[in-house]
Amino acid sequence: MYAASDCDHENARIAQLAREAGIWVNVVDCPDACDFITPAIVDRDPVVVAIGTEGSAPVLAQQIKLELESTVTDPSGHGCASSPAFPSSGQTVVTRFAS
């Protein structure tokens, strides 16, 4: 369940009702109140990339997603291995975005 109203009180009420019913809840923009986090997804079938920050940096995750989407433009997934978004080491990608 997602609690995503513009009212913190309403989001807390929705979260409480969900938890009482045994349903996991994600309170949008409030990571401490979430039972699960939804990563940013780039889907270029057959390649799917999930970008997660455990809720601590959603804007950074969105920036990484936008850069990957603009870099990996082949929707078939062919040629992804030669794309600059997928260098030979995953660490290179992390370093590239961390600096």
N, C-alpha and C. Protein backbone atom coordinates (compact mmCIF):
# COMPACT_ATOMS: atom_id res chain seq x y z
N MET A 1 0.84 -1.15 0.00
CA MET A 1 0.00 0.00 0.00
C MET A 1 0.89 1.22 0.00
N TYR A 2 0.47 2.25 -0.71
CA TYR A 2 1.18 3.52 -0.71
C TYR A 2 0.32 4.58 -0.04
N ALA A 3 0.91 5.32 0.89
CA ALA A 3 0.27 6.48 1.50
C ALA A 3 0.95 7.69 0.89
N ALA A 4 0.22 8.43 0.05
CA ALA A 4 0.85 9.49 -0.72
C ALA A 4 0.01 10.75 -0.79
N SER A 5 -0.70 11.06 0.27
CA SER A 5 -1.47 12.31 0.25
C SER A 5 -0.55 13.47 0.62
N ASP A 6 -1.06 14.68 0.50
CA ASP A 6 -0.25 15.84 0.88
C ASP A 6 -0.43 16.20 2.36
N CYS A 7 -1.06 15.30 3.11
CA CYS A 7 -1.33 15.52 4.54
C CYS A 7 -0.62 14.44 5.36
N ASP A 8 0.35 14.86 6.19
CA ASP A 8 1.09 13.90 7.00
C ASP A 8 0.18 13.10 7.93
N HIS A 9 -0.83 13.76 8.50
CA HIS A 9 -1.76 13.08 9.40
C HIS A 9 -2.53 11.98 8.66
N GLU A 10 -2.97 12.29 7.45
CA GLU A 10 -3.70 11.30 6.65
C GLU A 10 -2.79 10.13 6.27
N ASN A 11 -1.56 10.43 5.90
CA ASN A 11 -0.60 9.37 5.58
C ASN A 11 -0.36 8.46 6.77
N ALA A 12 -0.24 9.05 7.97
CA ALA A 12 -0.04 8.25 9.19
C ALA A 12 -1.27 7.38 9.46
N ARG A 13 -2.46 7.92 9.22
CA ARG A 13 -3.70 7.15 9.43
C ARG A 13 -3.77 5.98 8.45
N ILE A 14 -3.45 6.24 7.20
CA ILE A 14 -3.46 5.18 6.18
C ILE A 14 -2.45 4.10 6.55
N ALA A 15 -1.26 4.52 6.97
CA ALA A 15 -0.22 3.56 7.34
C ALA A 15 -0.67 2.70 8.52
N GLN A 16 -1.29 3.31 9.50
CA GLN A 16 -1.76 2.56 10.67
C GLN A 16 -2.82 1.54 10.27
N LEU A 17 -3.78 1.96 9.45
CA LEU A 17 -4.83 1.03 8.99
C LEU A 17 -4.22 -0.13 8.19
N ALA A 18 -3.27 0.18 7.34
CA ALA A 18 -2.63 -0.87 6.54
C ALA A 18 -1.91 -1.86 7.44
N ARG A 19 -1.15 -1.35 8.38
CA ARG A 19 -0.39 -2.24 9.27
C ARG A 19 -1.33 -3.09 10.13
N GLU A 20 -2.42 -2.50 10.59
CA GLU A 20 -3.40 -3.27 11.37
C GLU A 20 -3.99 -4.41 10.55
N ALA A 21 -4.05 -4.22 9.24
CA ALA A 21 -4.57 -5.26 8.34
C ALA A 21 -3.47 -6.20 7.86
N GLY A 22 -2.24 -5.99 8.35
CA GLY A 22 -1.14 -6.85 7.96
C GLY A 22 -0.55 -6.52 6.60
N ILE A 23 -0.79 -5.30 6.13
CA ILE A 23 -0.32 -4.89 4.80
C ILE A 23 0.89 -3.97 4.96
N TRP A 24 1.93 -4.26 4.20
CA TRP A 24 3.10 -3.38 4.21
C TRP A 24 2.72 -2.05 3.58
N VAL A 25 3.36 -0.99 4.05
CA VAL A 25 3.02 0.34 3.55
C VAL A 25 4.29 1.14 3.25
N ASN A 26 4.20 1.94 2.20
CA ASN A 26 5.24 2.89 1.84
C ASN A 26 4.62 4.27 1.99
N VAL A 27 5.14 5.05 2.94
CA VAL A 27 4.69 6.43 3.13
C VAL A 27 5.64 7.30 2.32
N VAL A 28 5.13 7.83 1.20
CA VAL A 28 5.95 8.55 0.25
C VAL A 28 6.65 9.73 0.93
N ASP A 29 7.94 9.87 0.63
CA ASP A 29 8.80 10.94 1.16
C ASP A 29 9.00 10.87 2.67
N CYS A 30 8.81 9.68 3.25
CA CYS A 30 9.03 9.50 4.69
C CYS A 30 9.63 8.11 4.91
N PRO A 31 10.92 7.93 4.60
CA PRO A 31 11.52 6.60 4.63
C PRO A 31 11.44 5.90 5.99
N ASP A 32 11.47 6.66 7.07
CA ASP A 32 11.41 6.04 8.40
C ASP A 32 10.06 5.39 8.67
N ALA A 33 9.03 5.80 7.94
CA ALA A 33 7.69 5.24 8.15
C ALA A 33 7.36 4.13 7.16
N CYS A 34 8.33 3.74 6.34
CA CYS A 34 8.09 2.76 5.27
C CYS A 34 8.45 1.34 5.71
N ASP A 35 7.62 0.39 5.29
CA ASP A 35 7.93 -1.02 5.46
C ASP A 35 8.73 -1.55 4.26
N PHE A 36 8.67 -0.82 3.15
CA PHE A 36 9.42 -1.18 1.96
C PHE A 36 9.73 0.10 1.19
N ILE A 37 10.76 0.03 0.36
CA ILE A 37 11.17 1.15 -0.47
C ILE A 37 11.01 0.72 -1.93
N THR A 38 10.56 1.64 -2.77
CA THR A 38 10.42 1.36 -4.19
C THR A 38 11.59 2.00 -4.93
N PRO A 39 12.42 1.20 -5.61
CA PRO A 39 13.55 1.79 -6.34
C PRO A 39 13.09 2.47 -7.62
N ALA A 40 13.93 3.34 -8.15
CA ALA A 40 13.72 3.88 -9.49
C ALA A 40 14.09 2.77 -10.47
N ILE A 41 13.31 2.60 -11.53
CA ILE A 41 13.51 1.49 -12.47
C ILE A 41 13.78 2.02 -13.87
N VAL A 42 14.78 1.46 -14.52
CA VAL A 42 15.02 1.67 -15.95
C VAL A 42 14.81 0.32 -16.60
N ASP A 43 13.84 0.23 -17.49
CA ASP A 43 13.49 -1.04 -18.13
C ASP A 43 13.75 -0.95 -19.63
N ARG A 44 14.81 -1.58 -20.06
CA ARG A 44 15.15 -1.69 -21.48
C ARG A 44 15.25 -3.18 -21.78
N ASP A 45 14.10 -3.83 -21.78
CA ASP A 45 13.99 -5.27 -21.94
C ASP A 45 15.00 -5.77 -22.97
N PRO A 46 15.83 -6.70 -22.66
CA PRO A 46 15.84 -7.59 -21.51
C PRO A 46 16.64 -7.07 -20.31
N VAL A 47 17.13 -5.84 -20.39
CA VAL A 47 17.92 -5.28 -19.29
C VAL A 47 17.00 -4.44 -18.40
N VAL A 48 17.03 -4.72 -17.09
CA VAL A 48 16.27 -3.93 -16.13
C VAL A 48 17.24 -3.50 -15.03
N VAL A 49 17.26 -2.20 -14.73
CA VAL A 49 18.15 -1.67 -13.71
C VAL A 49 17.29 -1.04 -12.62
N ALA A 50 17.54 -1.43 -11.37
CA ALA A 50 16.86 -0.82 -10.22
C ALA A 50 17.87 0.05 -9.49
N ILE A 51 17.49 1.29 -9.23
CA ILE A 51 18.36 2.23 -8.53
C ILE A 51 17.74 2.53 -7.19
N GLY A 52 18.42 2.11 -6.13
CA GLY A 52 17.88 2.32 -4.79
C GLY A 52 18.86 3.03 -3.89
N THR A 53 18.32 3.85 -3.00
CA THR A 53 19.15 4.56 -2.02
C THR A 53 18.61 4.33 -0.61
N GLU A 54 17.79 3.30 -0.45
CA GLU A 54 17.14 2.99 0.83
C GLU A 54 16.33 4.18 1.34
N GLY A 55 15.85 4.99 0.41
CA GLY A 55 15.01 6.12 0.77
C GLY A 55 15.78 7.36 1.20
N SER A 56 17.10 7.27 1.26
CA SER A 56 17.87 8.40 1.79
C SER A 56 18.18 9.47 0.74
N ALA A 57 18.14 9.14 -0.55
CA ALA A 57 18.49 10.11 -1.58
C ALA A 57 17.64 9.89 -2.84
N PRO A 58 16.32 10.09 -2.75
CA PRO A 58 15.47 9.83 -3.91
C PRO A 58 15.77 10.74 -5.10
N VAL A 59 16.22 11.95 -4.86
CA VAL A 59 16.55 12.85 -5.97
C VAL A 59 17.77 12.33 -6.72
N LEU A 60 18.77 11.82 -6.01
CA LEU A 60 19.94 11.23 -6.65
C LEU A 60 19.53 10.02 -7.48
N ALA A 61 18.67 9.17 -6.93
CA ALA A 61 18.20 7.99 -7.67
C ALA A 61 17.50 8.42 -8.95
N GLN A 62 16.70 9.47 -8.89
CA GLN A 62 16.00 9.97 -10.07
C GLN A 62 16.99 10.51 -11.10
N GLN A 63 18.03 11.21 -10.65
CA GLN A 63 19.05 11.73 -11.57
C GLN A 63 19.78 10.60 -12.28
N ILE A 64 20.13 9.56 -11.54
CA ILE A 64 20.80 8.40 -12.12
C ILE A 64 19.88 7.73 -13.14
N LYS A 65 18.61 7.59 -12.77
CA LYS A 65 17.63 6.98 -13.68
C LYS A 65 17.54 7.78 -14.99
N LEU A 66 17.43 9.09 -14.89
CA LEU A 66 17.32 9.91 -16.09
C LEU A 66 18.56 9.80 -16.97
N GLU A 67 19.73 9.76 -16.36
CA GLU A 67 20.96 9.62 -17.15
C GLU A 67 21.01 8.25 -17.84
N LEU A 68 20.65 7.20 -17.12
CA LEU A 68 20.65 5.87 -17.74
C LEU A 68 19.62 5.79 -18.86
N GLU A 69 18.44 6.37 -18.65
CA GLU A 69 17.41 6.33 -19.69
C GLU A 69 17.87 7.05 -20.96
N SER A 70 18.60 8.14 -20.80
CA SER A 70 19.07 8.86 -21.98
C SER A 70 20.26 8.17 -22.64
N THR A 71 20.98 7.35 -21.89
CA THR A 71 22.16 6.67 -22.41
C THR A 71 21.80 5.34 -23.06
N VAL A 72 20.94 4.58 -22.42
CA VAL A 72 20.54 3.26 -22.91
C VAL A 72 19.24 3.44 -23.68
N THR A 73 19.37 3.75 -24.97
CA THR A 73 18.20 4.10 -25.78
C THR A 73 17.66 2.96 -26.62
N ASP A 74 18.40 1.86 -26.71
CA ASP A 74 17.98 0.73 -27.53
C ASP A 74 16.97 -0.10 -26.75
N PRO A 75 15.68 0.01 -27.07
CA PRO A 75 14.67 -0.72 -26.29
C PRO A 75 14.76 -2.23 -26.41
N SER A 76 15.45 -2.74 -27.42
CA SER A 76 15.57 -4.19 -27.58
C SER A 76 16.61 -4.77 -26.63
N GLY A 77 17.47 -3.92 -26.07
CA GLY A 77 18.53 -4.41 -25.20
C GLY A 77 19.77 -4.80 -25.97
N HIS A 78 19.69 -4.89 -27.30
CA HIS A 78 20.86 -5.23 -28.11
C HIS A 78 21.81 -4.03 -28.07
N GLY A 79 23.04 -4.29 -27.85
CA GLY A 79 24.01 -3.21 -27.82
C GLY A 79 24.21 -2.62 -26.44
N CYS A 80 23.46 -3.10 -25.44
CA CYS A 80 23.64 -2.58 -24.08
C CYS A 80 25.04 -2.85 -23.57
N ALA A 81 25.62 -3.98 -23.96
CA ALA A 81 26.95 -4.32 -23.47
C ALA A 81 27.99 -3.31 -23.93
N SER A 82 27.75 -2.68 -25.09
CA SER A 82 28.72 -1.70 -25.57
C SER A 82 28.33 -0.28 -25.19
N SER A 83 27.24 -0.10 -24.48
CA SER A 83 26.79 1.23 -24.08
C SER A 83 27.71 1.82 -23.03
N PRO A 84 27.99 3.14 -23.07
CA PRO A 84 28.83 3.76 -22.05
C PRO A 84 28.19 3.70 -20.67
N ALA A 85 26.89 3.41 -20.59
CA ALA A 85 26.24 3.29 -19.28
C ALA A 85 26.62 1.99 -18.60
N PHE A 86 27.18 1.03 -19.36
CA PHE A 86 27.53 -0.26 -18.81
C PHE A 86 28.99 -0.57 -19.06
N PRO A 87 29.89 0.12 -18.35
CA PRO A 87 31.31 -0.20 -18.50
C PRO A 87 31.61 -1.59 -17.96
N SER A 88 32.84 -2.03 -18.13
CA SER A 88 33.20 -3.40 -17.74
C SER A 88 33.07 -3.63 -16.24
N SER A 89 33.12 -2.59 -15.43
CA SER A 89 33.02 -2.74 -13.98
C SER A 89 31.86 -1.93 -13.44
N GLY A 90 30.98 -2.57 -12.67
CA GLY A 90 29.89 -1.85 -12.03
C GLY A 90 30.38 -0.75 -11.12
N GLN A 91 31.57 -0.94 -10.54
CA GLN A 91 32.14 0.08 -9.65
C GLN A 91 32.34 1.39 -10.39
N THR A 92 32.66 1.31 -11.67
CA THR A 92 32.87 2.53 -12.45
C THR A 92 31.59 3.35 -12.51
N VAL A 93 30.46 2.69 -12.66
CA VAL A 93 29.18 3.39 -12.69
C VAL A 93 28.94 4.09 -11.36
N VAL A 94 29.16 3.38 -10.26
CA VAL A 94 28.95 3.96 -8.93
C VAL A 94 29.86 5.16 -8.74
N THR A 95 31.13 5.02 -9.10
CA THR A 95 32.09 6.10 -8.93
C THR A 95 31.69 7.30 -9.78
N ARG A 96 31.23 7.03 -10.98
CA ARG A 96 30.85 8.11 -11.90
C ARG A 96 29.76 8.98 -11.31
N PHE A 97 28.79 8.38 -10.63
CA PHE A 97 27.68 9.13 -10.08
C PHE A 97 27.98 9.70 -8.71
N ALA A 98 28.96 9.12 -8.04
CA ALA A 98 29.28 9.56 -6.68
C ALA A 98 30.10 10.84 -6.68
N SER A 99 30.79 11.14 -7.75
CA SER A 99 31.66 12.31 -7.75
C SER A 99 30.94 13.56 -8.22
